Amino acid sequence: MTTNTVLESPIAALAKKTWQTILVTGLLAVVLGIIVLVWPGPSLLVAGILFGIYMVVSGIFQLVAAFTHLPSTSFRVLSFISGVLSLIIGVFCFRDDITSIVLLGLFVGIAWLFRGIAVLFAALSEDSVPGRGWQVFYGLVSALAGVVLIVWPIGSMATLIWVVGIFLIVIGVMEIITAFGVRKDSHLLDEQAL
C-alpha cells in the first residue's frame, strides 16, 4: 500500500469516485437532450409508448391491490375502477401513435390543471402560507399550462419535448462542469493530505 493511499481522506476517496459518475450522467443528459432536439417526433412517439406501458402496468397493480390488501371496500372499488380505466387508456395508447400522444398530453394537462387549482386555492384560502404570492403565481401558471395541454395536446407536447431537450442539455453541461470541479477539489484534498 502506498503512502498516498494511507493518507488519503475518506472525502478525497469519495470525490475521486464521484466525479466520474457525475461526468457520465452529465454526458448522457447532453446526448439525450441532443437526440430529443434532433428527432423530436420519434422522441414524442417514444414518450407516448412509454406512457401506454406505464398505464398498463399501473392498471395491473391497481387491480391486484383491489383484490388483495386494501383495507376497505370503498378503496377496493376505487382501485378496481382506476385499474380498469388505466388498462383501457394503456390499450388505446397502443392503437396508434397520435392517440398515445393525445392521451399523454391530456393526462399531463389534467394533472397540471388539478395541481394548479389545488395550489391556487390553498394559497388564497390561507393568509399564513409562506411565499403566498409565488404560490398563487405557480397555481395560475400550472392551471393555465394544464388548460393549454388539454386544448392542444399534440402541439403542446411537441413544445414540451423541445423544452425537455434544452433542459437536458443545460443540466448535462452543468453536471459536466460540476464533475471537473469535484475532480479538481479531490486533487486539492490529496495535496493537503500530503
N, C-alpha and C. Protein backbone atom coordinates (compact mmCIF):
# COMPACT_ATOMS: atom_id res chain seq x y z
N MET A 1 0.85 -1.17 0.00
CA MET A 1 0.00 0.00 0.00
C MET A 1 0.90 1.23 0.00
N THR A 2 0.59 2.21 -0.82
CA THR A 2 1.44 3.39 -0.92
C THR A 2 1.10 4.39 0.17
N THR A 3 1.98 5.35 0.33
CA THR A 3 1.78 6.38 1.36
C THR A 3 0.57 7.23 1.04
N ASN A 4 0.36 7.54 -0.25
CA ASN A 4 -0.78 8.37 -0.64
C ASN A 4 -2.10 7.71 -0.28
N THR A 5 -2.18 6.39 -0.43
CA THR A 5 -3.42 5.69 -0.12
C THR A 5 -3.70 5.72 1.38
N VAL A 6 -2.65 5.60 2.18
CA VAL A 6 -2.82 5.62 3.63
C VAL A 6 -3.28 6.99 4.10
N LEU A 7 -2.70 8.05 3.51
CA LEU A 7 -3.01 9.41 3.94
C LEU A 7 -4.27 9.97 3.30
N GLU A 8 -4.82 9.27 2.30
CA GLU A 8 -5.99 9.78 1.60
C GLU A 8 -7.20 9.81 2.53
N SER A 9 -7.85 10.98 2.58
CA SER A 9 -9.02 11.12 3.44
C SER A 9 -10.22 10.42 2.80
N PRO A 10 -11.20 10.04 3.62
CA PRO A 10 -12.40 9.42 3.05
C PRO A 10 -13.13 10.35 2.08
N ILE A 11 -13.08 11.64 2.35
CA ILE A 11 -13.76 12.61 1.47
C ILE A 11 -13.06 12.66 0.11
N ALA A 12 -11.71 12.66 0.12
CA ALA A 12 -10.97 12.67 -1.14
C ALA A 12 -11.23 11.40 -1.93
N ALA A 13 -11.27 10.27 -1.25
CA ALA A 13 -11.54 9.00 -1.94
C ALA A 13 -12.93 9.00 -2.56
N LEU A 14 -13.92 9.53 -1.82
CA LEU A 14 -15.28 9.62 -2.34
C LEU A 14 -15.35 10.57 -3.53
N ALA A 15 -14.65 11.71 -3.44
CA ALA A 15 -14.65 12.68 -4.53
C ALA A 15 -14.05 12.09 -5.80
N LYS A 16 -12.99 11.28 -5.65
CA LYS A 16 -12.36 10.65 -6.82
C LYS A 16 -13.33 9.72 -7.53
N LYS A 17 -14.14 9.01 -6.77
CA LYS A 17 -15.10 8.08 -7.37
C LYS A 17 -16.33 8.82 -7.91
N THR A 18 -16.71 9.89 -7.23
CA THR A 18 -17.95 10.59 -7.56
C THR A 18 -17.84 11.41 -8.83
N TRP A 19 -16.71 12.05 -9.07
CA TRP A 19 -16.63 12.96 -10.21
C TRP A 19 -16.85 12.23 -11.53
N GLN A 20 -16.41 10.97 -11.62
CA GLN A 20 -16.61 10.21 -12.85
C GLN A 20 -18.09 9.89 -13.08
N THR A 21 -18.79 9.57 -12.00
CA THR A 21 -20.23 9.30 -12.11
C THR A 21 -20.98 10.54 -12.55
N ILE A 22 -20.63 11.68 -11.95
CA ILE A 22 -21.28 12.95 -12.33
C ILE A 22 -20.99 13.27 -13.79
N LEU A 23 -19.75 13.04 -14.21
CA LEU A 23 -19.37 13.30 -15.60
C LEU A 23 -20.18 12.44 -16.57
N VAL A 24 -20.30 11.15 -16.26
CA VAL A 24 -21.04 10.24 -17.15
C VAL A 24 -22.51 10.63 -17.22
N THR A 25 -23.13 10.94 -16.07
CA THR A 25 -24.55 11.34 -16.11
C THR A 25 -24.73 12.65 -16.86
N GLY A 26 -23.77 13.55 -16.72
CA GLY A 26 -23.84 14.81 -17.47
C GLY A 26 -23.74 14.59 -18.96
N LEU A 27 -22.79 13.74 -19.37
CA LEU A 27 -22.64 13.43 -20.80
C LEU A 27 -23.89 12.74 -21.35
N LEU A 28 -24.44 11.81 -20.57
CA LEU A 28 -25.67 11.13 -21.01
C LEU A 28 -26.83 12.10 -21.16
N ALA A 29 -26.94 13.06 -20.22
CA ALA A 29 -28.02 14.05 -20.31
C ALA A 29 -27.86 14.91 -21.56
N VAL A 30 -26.62 15.31 -21.87
CA VAL A 30 -26.38 16.12 -23.07
C VAL A 30 -26.73 15.32 -24.33
N VAL A 31 -26.28 14.07 -24.39
CA VAL A 31 -26.56 13.23 -25.56
C VAL A 31 -28.06 13.02 -25.71
N LEU A 32 -28.75 12.72 -24.61
CA LEU A 32 -30.21 12.53 -24.67
C LEU A 32 -30.91 13.81 -25.10
N GLY A 33 -30.46 14.95 -24.58
CA GLY A 33 -31.04 16.24 -24.98
C GLY A 33 -30.86 16.50 -26.47
N ILE A 34 -29.67 16.19 -27.00
CA ILE A 34 -29.41 16.38 -28.43
C ILE A 34 -30.31 15.46 -29.25
N ILE A 35 -30.44 14.21 -28.81
CA ILE A 35 -31.31 13.26 -29.53
C ILE A 35 -32.74 13.77 -29.56
N VAL A 36 -33.22 14.28 -28.42
CA VAL A 36 -34.60 14.79 -28.35
C VAL A 36 -34.77 15.98 -29.29
N LEU A 37 -33.77 16.87 -29.37
CA LEU A 37 -33.88 18.05 -30.23
C LEU A 37 -33.72 17.70 -31.71
N VAL A 38 -32.87 16.71 -32.02
CA VAL A 38 -32.66 16.34 -33.42
C VAL A 38 -33.85 15.54 -33.95
N TRP A 39 -34.42 14.68 -33.11
CA TRP A 39 -35.55 13.85 -33.52
C TRP A 39 -36.73 14.05 -32.57
N PRO A 40 -37.37 15.23 -32.59
CA PRO A 40 -38.47 15.46 -31.64
C PRO A 40 -39.68 14.56 -31.90
N GLY A 41 -39.96 14.26 -33.16
CA GLY A 41 -41.10 13.40 -33.48
C GLY A 41 -40.95 12.01 -32.89
N PRO A 42 -39.84 11.32 -33.19
CA PRO A 42 -39.65 9.99 -32.59
C PRO A 42 -39.57 10.05 -31.06
N SER A 43 -39.00 11.13 -30.51
CA SER A 43 -38.93 11.25 -29.05
C SER A 43 -40.32 11.34 -28.45
N LEU A 44 -41.19 12.09 -29.13
CA LEU A 44 -42.57 12.22 -28.68
C LEU A 44 -43.29 10.89 -28.79
N LEU A 45 -43.02 10.15 -29.85
CA LEU A 45 -43.62 8.83 -30.03
C LEU A 45 -43.17 7.88 -28.92
N VAL A 46 -41.88 7.89 -28.60
CA VAL A 46 -41.37 7.04 -27.52
C VAL A 46 -42.04 7.42 -26.20
N ALA A 47 -42.19 8.73 -25.96
CA ALA A 47 -42.86 9.17 -24.72
C ALA A 47 -44.29 8.65 -24.68
N GLY A 48 -44.99 8.68 -25.82
CA GLY A 48 -46.35 8.15 -25.87
C GLY A 48 -46.42 6.66 -25.61
N ILE A 49 -45.47 5.91 -26.17
CA ILE A 49 -45.43 4.46 -25.95
C ILE A 49 -45.10 4.15 -24.50
N LEU A 50 -44.13 4.87 -23.93
CA LEU A 50 -43.80 4.66 -22.53
C LEU A 50 -44.99 4.99 -21.62
N PHE A 51 -45.75 6.01 -22.00
CA PHE A 51 -46.95 6.34 -21.24
C PHE A 51 -47.95 5.19 -21.30
N GLY A 52 -48.12 4.59 -22.47
CA GLY A 52 -49.02 3.44 -22.60
C GLY A 52 -48.57 2.28 -21.73
N ILE A 53 -47.27 1.99 -21.74
CA ILE A 53 -46.73 0.92 -20.90
C ILE A 53 -46.97 1.23 -19.43
N TYR A 54 -46.72 2.49 -19.05
CA TYR A 54 -46.94 2.90 -17.66
C TYR A 54 -48.40 2.70 -17.26
N MET A 55 -49.33 3.07 -18.12
CA MET A 55 -50.75 2.95 -17.79
C MET A 55 -51.15 1.48 -17.65
N VAL A 56 -50.64 0.61 -18.51
CA VAL A 56 -50.98 -0.82 -18.41
C VAL A 56 -50.42 -1.40 -17.11
N VAL A 57 -49.15 -1.13 -16.83
CA VAL A 57 -48.54 -1.66 -15.61
C VAL A 57 -49.24 -1.10 -14.37
N SER A 58 -49.52 0.20 -14.39
CA SER A 58 -50.23 0.83 -13.27
C SER A 58 -51.61 0.20 -13.08
N GLY A 59 -52.31 -0.04 -14.18
CA GLY A 59 -53.63 -0.66 -14.09
C GLY A 59 -53.58 -2.05 -13.50
N ILE A 60 -52.59 -2.83 -13.90
CA ILE A 60 -52.44 -4.19 -13.36
C ILE A 60 -52.20 -4.14 -11.85
N PHE A 61 -51.29 -3.26 -11.42
CA PHE A 61 -51.01 -3.15 -9.99
C PHE A 61 -52.23 -2.68 -9.19
N GLN A 62 -53.01 -1.77 -9.77
CA GLN A 62 -54.21 -1.31 -9.08
C GLN A 62 -55.24 -2.42 -8.98
N LEU A 63 -55.37 -3.23 -10.01
CA LEU A 63 -56.31 -4.35 -9.96
C LEU A 63 -55.87 -5.40 -8.93
N VAL A 64 -54.57 -5.67 -8.89
CA VAL A 64 -54.06 -6.61 -7.89
C VAL A 64 -54.34 -6.08 -6.49
N ALA A 65 -54.10 -4.78 -6.29
CA ALA A 65 -54.35 -4.17 -4.98
C ALA A 65 -55.83 -4.23 -4.61
N ALA A 66 -56.70 -4.08 -5.61
CA ALA A 66 -58.14 -4.11 -5.34
C ALA A 66 -58.59 -5.46 -4.81
N PHE A 67 -57.90 -6.53 -5.19
CA PHE A 67 -58.31 -7.86 -4.76
C PHE A 67 -57.44 -8.44 -3.64
N THR A 68 -56.47 -7.67 -3.15
CA THR A 68 -55.58 -8.26 -2.14
C THR A 68 -55.55 -7.50 -0.83
N HIS A 69 -54.87 -6.37 -0.76
CA HIS A 69 -54.51 -5.83 0.54
C HIS A 69 -55.14 -4.48 0.91
N LEU A 70 -56.10 -3.99 0.19
CA LEU A 70 -56.71 -2.72 0.58
C LEU A 70 -57.68 -2.94 1.73
N PRO A 71 -57.70 -2.02 2.70
CA PRO A 71 -58.43 -2.26 3.95
C PRO A 71 -59.95 -2.17 3.85
N SER A 72 -60.45 -1.30 2.98
CA SER A 72 -61.91 -1.13 2.98
C SER A 72 -62.49 -1.39 1.60
N THR A 73 -63.78 -1.60 1.58
CA THR A 73 -64.49 -1.88 0.32
C THR A 73 -64.43 -0.68 -0.61
N SER A 74 -64.56 0.52 -0.06
CA SER A 74 -64.54 1.71 -0.92
C SER A 74 -63.19 1.86 -1.61
N PHE A 75 -62.08 1.60 -0.89
CA PHE A 75 -60.76 1.65 -1.51
C PHE A 75 -60.62 0.58 -2.59
N ARG A 76 -61.18 -0.58 -2.33
CA ARG A 76 -61.09 -1.67 -3.30
C ARG A 76 -61.85 -1.31 -4.58
N VAL A 77 -63.04 -0.74 -4.43
CA VAL A 77 -63.85 -0.36 -5.59
C VAL A 77 -63.13 0.73 -6.39
N LEU A 78 -62.63 1.76 -5.70
CA LEU A 78 -61.91 2.84 -6.39
C LEU A 78 -60.66 2.32 -7.09
N SER A 79 -59.94 1.44 -6.44
CA SER A 79 -58.74 0.86 -7.04
C SER A 79 -59.10 0.02 -8.27
N PHE A 80 -60.20 -0.71 -8.17
CA PHE A 80 -60.64 -1.52 -9.31
C PHE A 80 -61.02 -0.63 -10.50
N ILE A 81 -61.82 0.40 -10.24
CA ILE A 81 -62.24 1.31 -11.31
C ILE A 81 -61.03 2.01 -11.93
N SER A 82 -60.14 2.50 -11.08
CA SER A 82 -58.94 3.18 -11.56
C SER A 82 -58.05 2.22 -12.37
N GLY A 83 -57.93 0.97 -11.91
CA GLY A 83 -57.14 -0.02 -12.64
C GLY A 83 -57.70 -0.33 -14.01
N VAL A 84 -59.02 -0.50 -14.08
CA VAL A 84 -59.66 -0.79 -15.36
C VAL A 84 -59.48 0.40 -16.32
N LEU A 85 -59.69 1.62 -15.81
CA LEU A 85 -59.51 2.81 -16.66
C LEU A 85 -58.07 2.94 -17.14
N SER A 86 -57.11 2.66 -16.26
CA SER A 86 -55.69 2.72 -16.65
C SER A 86 -55.40 1.71 -17.75
N LEU A 87 -55.93 0.50 -17.61
CA LEU A 87 -55.73 -0.52 -18.66
C LEU A 87 -56.34 -0.09 -19.99
N ILE A 88 -57.54 0.47 -19.93
CA ILE A 88 -58.20 0.92 -21.16
C ILE A 88 -57.38 2.02 -21.83
N ILE A 89 -56.93 3.00 -21.05
CA ILE A 89 -56.11 4.08 -21.60
C ILE A 89 -54.82 3.52 -22.18
N GLY A 90 -54.19 2.59 -21.46
CA GLY A 90 -52.96 1.97 -21.95
C GLY A 90 -53.16 1.24 -23.27
N VAL A 91 -54.26 0.51 -23.39
CA VAL A 91 -54.55 -0.21 -24.63
C VAL A 91 -54.77 0.77 -25.77
N PHE A 92 -55.49 1.88 -25.52
CA PHE A 92 -55.70 2.89 -26.55
C PHE A 92 -54.38 3.51 -27.00
N CYS A 93 -53.42 3.62 -26.09
CA CYS A 93 -52.11 4.18 -26.46
C CYS A 93 -51.41 3.32 -27.50
N PHE A 94 -51.69 2.03 -27.52
CA PHE A 94 -51.02 1.15 -28.47
C PHE A 94 -51.77 1.03 -29.79
N ARG A 95 -52.92 1.66 -29.90
CA ARG A 95 -53.69 1.57 -31.14
C ARG A 95 -53.01 2.34 -32.27
N ASP A 96 -52.58 3.57 -31.99
CA ASP A 96 -51.80 4.33 -32.98
C ASP A 96 -50.99 5.42 -32.27
N ASP A 97 -50.08 5.99 -33.03
CA ASP A 97 -49.13 6.96 -32.47
C ASP A 97 -49.81 8.22 -31.97
N ILE A 98 -50.71 8.75 -32.76
CA ILE A 98 -51.36 10.02 -32.40
C ILE A 98 -52.19 9.86 -31.14
N THR A 99 -52.87 8.73 -31.00
CA THR A 99 -53.70 8.50 -29.81
C THR A 99 -52.85 8.51 -28.55
N SER A 100 -51.69 7.86 -28.60
CA SER A 100 -50.84 7.82 -27.40
C SER A 100 -50.34 9.21 -27.03
N ILE A 101 -49.99 10.03 -28.02
CA ILE A 101 -49.52 11.39 -27.75
C ILE A 101 -50.65 12.25 -27.21
N VAL A 102 -51.85 12.12 -27.80
CA VAL A 102 -53.01 12.88 -27.32
C VAL A 102 -53.34 12.49 -25.88
N LEU A 103 -53.37 11.19 -25.60
CA LEU A 103 -53.70 10.74 -24.24
C LEU A 103 -52.64 11.19 -23.23
N LEU A 104 -51.36 11.15 -23.62
CA LEU A 104 -50.31 11.63 -22.74
C LEU A 104 -50.48 13.12 -22.47
N GLY A 105 -50.75 13.89 -23.51
CA GLY A 105 -50.99 15.33 -23.34
C GLY A 105 -52.18 15.62 -22.44
N LEU A 106 -53.26 14.88 -22.64
CA LEU A 106 -54.45 15.07 -21.79
C LEU A 106 -54.16 14.68 -20.34
N PHE A 107 -53.44 13.59 -20.14
CA PHE A 107 -53.11 13.12 -18.79
C PHE A 107 -52.27 14.17 -18.06
N VAL A 108 -51.22 14.65 -18.72
CA VAL A 108 -50.36 15.68 -18.10
C VAL A 108 -51.15 16.97 -17.90
N GLY A 109 -51.95 17.34 -18.88
CA GLY A 109 -52.75 18.56 -18.77
C GLY A 109 -53.73 18.53 -17.61
N ILE A 110 -54.42 17.43 -17.46
CA ILE A 110 -55.38 17.29 -16.35
C ILE A 110 -54.65 17.33 -15.01
N ALA A 111 -53.50 16.65 -14.94
CA ALA A 111 -52.72 16.65 -13.70
C ALA A 111 -52.26 18.07 -13.35
N TRP A 112 -51.75 18.80 -14.35
CA TRP A 112 -51.30 20.18 -14.09
C TRP A 112 -52.47 21.08 -13.72
N LEU A 113 -53.63 20.89 -14.36
CA LEU A 113 -54.79 21.71 -14.05
C LEU A 113 -55.24 21.50 -12.61
N PHE A 114 -55.38 20.24 -12.19
CA PHE A 114 -55.80 19.97 -10.82
C PHE A 114 -54.76 20.44 -9.81
N ARG A 115 -53.49 20.22 -10.10
CA ARG A 115 -52.42 20.67 -9.20
C ARG A 115 -52.43 22.20 -9.08
N GLY A 116 -52.57 22.88 -10.21
CA GLY A 116 -52.60 24.34 -10.19
C GLY A 116 -53.78 24.88 -9.40
N ILE A 117 -54.95 24.29 -9.60
CA ILE A 117 -56.14 24.74 -8.86
C ILE A 117 -55.98 24.48 -7.37
N ALA A 118 -55.44 23.32 -7.01
CA ALA A 118 -55.24 22.99 -5.59
C ALA A 118 -54.28 23.97 -4.93
N VAL A 119 -53.15 24.26 -5.59
CA VAL A 119 -52.17 25.19 -5.03
C VAL A 119 -52.76 26.59 -4.95
N LEU A 120 -53.48 27.00 -5.97
CA LEU A 120 -54.08 28.33 -6.00
C LEU A 120 -55.08 28.50 -4.86
N PHE A 121 -55.98 27.55 -4.69
CA PHE A 121 -56.97 27.67 -3.62
C PHE A 121 -56.34 27.58 -2.24
N ALA A 122 -55.33 26.75 -2.08
CA ALA A 122 -54.64 26.65 -0.79
C ALA A 122 -53.96 27.98 -0.46
N ALA A 123 -53.34 28.60 -1.44
CA ALA A 123 -52.65 29.87 -1.20
C ALA A 123 -53.64 31.00 -0.94
N LEU A 124 -54.77 31.01 -1.64
CA LEU A 124 -55.75 32.08 -1.46
C LEU A 124 -56.54 31.93 -0.17
N SER A 125 -56.73 30.70 0.29
CA SER A 125 -57.55 30.49 1.47
C SER A 125 -56.79 30.65 2.78
N GLU A 126 -55.47 30.60 2.74
CA GLU A 126 -54.67 30.68 3.96
C GLU A 126 -53.69 31.84 3.86
N ASP A 127 -53.88 32.83 4.73
CA ASP A 127 -53.02 34.01 4.70
C ASP A 127 -51.59 33.74 5.15
N SER A 128 -51.38 32.70 5.93
CA SER A 128 -50.07 32.46 6.52
C SER A 128 -49.18 31.53 5.68
N VAL A 129 -49.60 31.21 4.46
CA VAL A 129 -48.80 30.34 3.59
C VAL A 129 -47.51 31.07 3.23
N PRO A 130 -46.34 30.43 3.47
CA PRO A 130 -45.08 31.09 3.09
C PRO A 130 -44.98 31.24 1.57
N GLY A 131 -44.54 32.40 1.13
CA GLY A 131 -44.42 32.64 -0.31
C GLY A 131 -45.77 32.62 -0.99
N ARG A 132 -46.74 33.21 -0.35
CA ARG A 132 -48.12 33.15 -0.85
C ARG A 132 -48.25 33.68 -2.27
N GLY A 133 -47.58 34.79 -2.55
CA GLY A 133 -47.64 35.36 -3.90
C GLY A 133 -47.09 34.41 -4.95
N TRP A 134 -45.96 33.77 -4.62
CA TRP A 134 -45.38 32.81 -5.55
C TRP A 134 -46.27 31.59 -5.70
N GLN A 135 -46.93 31.18 -4.62
CA GLN A 135 -47.84 30.04 -4.68
C GLN A 135 -49.02 30.35 -5.61
N VAL A 136 -49.56 31.56 -5.48
CA VAL A 136 -50.66 31.97 -6.35
C VAL A 136 -50.20 31.99 -7.81
N PHE A 137 -49.01 32.56 -8.05
CA PHE A 137 -48.45 32.62 -9.40
C PHE A 137 -48.26 31.21 -9.96
N TYR A 138 -47.65 30.32 -9.15
CA TYR A 138 -47.42 28.94 -9.58
C TYR A 138 -48.74 28.24 -9.89
N GLY A 139 -49.73 28.44 -9.03
CA GLY A 139 -51.04 27.82 -9.25
C GLY A 139 -51.67 28.28 -10.55
N LEU A 140 -51.60 29.58 -10.81
CA LEU A 140 -52.18 30.12 -12.05
C LEU A 140 -51.45 29.58 -13.28
N VAL A 141 -50.11 29.59 -13.24
CA VAL A 141 -49.32 29.13 -14.38
C VAL A 141 -49.57 27.64 -14.62
N SER A 142 -49.61 26.83 -13.54
CA SER A 142 -49.84 25.39 -13.70
C SER A 142 -51.23 25.12 -14.27
N ALA A 143 -52.23 25.82 -13.75
CA ALA A 143 -53.59 25.62 -14.25
C ALA A 143 -53.69 26.03 -15.71
N LEU A 144 -53.08 27.17 -16.06
CA LEU A 144 -53.10 27.64 -17.45
C LEU A 144 -52.37 26.67 -18.37
N ALA A 145 -51.21 26.17 -17.92
CA ALA A 145 -50.47 25.19 -18.72
C ALA A 145 -51.29 23.91 -18.90
N GLY A 146 -52.01 23.52 -17.86
CA GLY A 146 -52.89 22.35 -17.96
C GLY A 146 -53.98 22.54 -18.99
N VAL A 147 -54.59 23.72 -18.98
CA VAL A 147 -55.65 24.02 -19.95
C VAL A 147 -55.09 23.98 -21.37
N VAL A 148 -53.91 24.58 -21.56
CA VAL A 148 -53.29 24.58 -22.90
C VAL A 148 -53.02 23.15 -23.37
N LEU A 149 -52.51 22.29 -22.47
CA LEU A 149 -52.26 20.90 -22.85
C LEU A 149 -53.55 20.15 -23.15
N ILE A 150 -54.61 20.47 -22.44
CA ILE A 150 -55.89 19.79 -22.69
C ILE A 150 -56.49 20.24 -24.02
N VAL A 151 -56.40 21.53 -24.33
CA VAL A 151 -56.99 22.06 -25.55
C VAL A 151 -56.15 21.69 -26.78
N TRP A 152 -54.82 21.79 -26.68
CA TRP A 152 -53.91 21.49 -27.79
C TRP A 152 -52.89 20.44 -27.36
N PRO A 153 -53.31 19.19 -27.17
CA PRO A 153 -52.38 18.20 -26.62
C PRO A 153 -51.17 17.89 -27.50
N ILE A 154 -51.36 17.79 -28.81
CA ILE A 154 -50.24 17.39 -29.68
C ILE A 154 -49.24 18.53 -29.82
N GLY A 155 -49.71 19.72 -30.14
CA GLY A 155 -48.81 20.87 -30.29
C GLY A 155 -48.10 21.20 -28.99
N SER A 156 -48.81 21.11 -27.88
CA SER A 156 -48.21 21.40 -26.58
C SER A 156 -47.17 20.36 -26.21
N MET A 157 -47.44 19.10 -26.50
CA MET A 157 -46.47 18.05 -26.19
C MET A 157 -45.22 18.20 -27.05
N ALA A 158 -45.40 18.62 -28.30
CA ALA A 158 -44.23 18.85 -29.16
C ALA A 158 -43.36 19.96 -28.60
N THR A 159 -44.00 21.03 -28.12
CA THR A 159 -43.25 22.13 -27.49
C THR A 159 -42.58 21.64 -26.22
N LEU A 160 -43.30 20.84 -25.44
CA LEU A 160 -42.75 20.31 -24.19
C LEU A 160 -41.52 19.43 -24.46
N ILE A 161 -41.54 18.68 -25.55
CA ILE A 161 -40.38 17.87 -25.92
C ILE A 161 -39.17 18.76 -26.18
N TRP A 162 -39.37 19.88 -26.88
CA TRP A 162 -38.26 20.82 -27.13
C TRP A 162 -37.73 21.37 -25.81
N VAL A 163 -38.63 21.74 -24.92
CA VAL A 163 -38.21 22.27 -23.62
C VAL A 163 -37.40 21.22 -22.86
N VAL A 164 -37.86 19.98 -22.88
CA VAL A 164 -37.15 18.89 -22.20
C VAL A 164 -35.77 18.70 -22.81
N GLY A 165 -35.66 18.74 -24.13
CA GLY A 165 -34.36 18.59 -24.79
C GLY A 165 -33.38 19.67 -24.38
N ILE A 166 -33.84 20.92 -24.39
CA ILE A 166 -32.98 22.03 -23.97
C ILE A 166 -32.60 21.90 -22.51
N PHE A 167 -33.57 21.54 -21.68
CA PHE A 167 -33.33 21.37 -20.24
C PHE A 167 -32.28 20.28 -20.00
N LEU A 168 -32.39 19.17 -20.71
CA LEU A 168 -31.42 18.08 -20.55
C LEU A 168 -30.00 18.54 -20.91
N ILE A 169 -29.88 19.30 -21.98
CA ILE A 169 -28.56 19.78 -22.38
C ILE A 169 -27.99 20.73 -21.32
N VAL A 170 -28.80 21.65 -20.84
CA VAL A 170 -28.33 22.61 -19.82
C VAL A 170 -27.93 21.87 -18.55
N ILE A 171 -28.77 20.96 -18.09
CA ILE A 171 -28.45 20.20 -16.88
C ILE A 171 -27.20 19.35 -17.10
N GLY A 172 -27.08 18.74 -18.27
CA GLY A 172 -25.90 17.93 -18.58
C GLY A 172 -24.62 18.75 -18.56
N VAL A 173 -24.65 19.93 -19.16
CA VAL A 173 -23.47 20.80 -19.15
C VAL A 173 -23.12 21.19 -17.72
N MET A 174 -24.12 21.52 -16.91
CA MET A 174 -23.86 21.89 -15.51
C MET A 174 -23.24 20.71 -14.74
N GLU A 175 -23.71 19.50 -15.01
CA GLU A 175 -23.14 18.32 -14.35
C GLU A 175 -21.70 18.07 -14.78
N ILE A 176 -21.40 18.29 -16.06
CA ILE A 176 -20.03 18.12 -16.55
C ILE A 176 -19.11 19.13 -15.86
N ILE A 177 -19.55 20.38 -15.78
CA ILE A 177 -18.76 21.41 -15.09
C ILE A 177 -18.56 21.03 -13.63
N THR A 178 -19.62 20.57 -12.99
CA THR A 178 -19.54 20.14 -11.58
C THR A 178 -18.57 18.98 -11.42
N ALA A 179 -18.59 18.03 -12.36
CA ALA A 179 -17.70 16.87 -12.27
C ALA A 179 -16.24 17.30 -12.27
N PHE A 180 -15.89 18.23 -13.15
CA PHE A 180 -14.50 18.68 -13.19
C PHE A 180 -14.14 19.50 -11.96
N GLY A 181 -15.12 20.20 -11.39
CA GLY A 181 -14.89 20.91 -10.13
C GLY A 181 -14.63 19.94 -8.99
N VAL A 182 -15.39 18.85 -8.94
CA VAL A 182 -15.19 17.84 -7.91
C VAL A 182 -13.83 17.18 -8.09
N ARG A 183 -13.46 16.92 -9.34
CA ARG A 183 -12.15 16.32 -9.62
C ARG A 183 -11.02 17.23 -9.14
N LYS A 184 -11.14 18.51 -9.44
CA LYS A 184 -10.12 19.48 -9.01
C LYS A 184 -10.04 19.52 -7.48
N ASP A 185 -11.20 19.53 -6.83
CA ASP A 185 -11.22 19.57 -5.36
C ASP A 185 -10.62 18.30 -4.76
N SER A 186 -10.83 17.15 -5.42
CA SER A 186 -10.25 15.91 -4.89
C SER A 186 -8.74 15.95 -4.96
N HIS A 187 -8.19 16.56 -6.02
CA HIS A 187 -6.73 16.71 -6.12
C HIS A 187 -6.21 17.65 -5.04
N LEU A 188 -6.95 18.72 -4.76
CA LEU A 188 -6.54 19.64 -3.71
C LEU A 188 -6.53 18.96 -2.34
N LEU A 189 -7.54 18.10 -2.11
CA LEU A 189 -7.60 17.36 -0.84
C LEU A 189 -6.41 16.40 -0.73
N ASP A 190 -6.02 15.79 -1.84
CA ASP A 190 -4.85 14.91 -1.84
C ASP A 190 -3.59 15.69 -1.48
N GLU A 191 -3.45 16.87 -2.07
CA GLU A 191 -2.27 17.69 -1.80
C GLU A 191 -2.22 18.13 -0.34
N GLN A 192 -3.38 18.44 0.21
CA GLN A 192 -3.43 18.86 1.63
C GLN A 192 -3.10 17.69 2.55
N ALA A 193 -3.46 16.46 2.14
CA ALA A 193 -3.21 15.29 2.98
C ALA A 193 -1.72 14.96 3.05
N LEU A 194 -0.99 15.34 1.99
CA LEU A 194 0.46 15.05 1.97
C LEU A 194 1.18 16.04 2.80
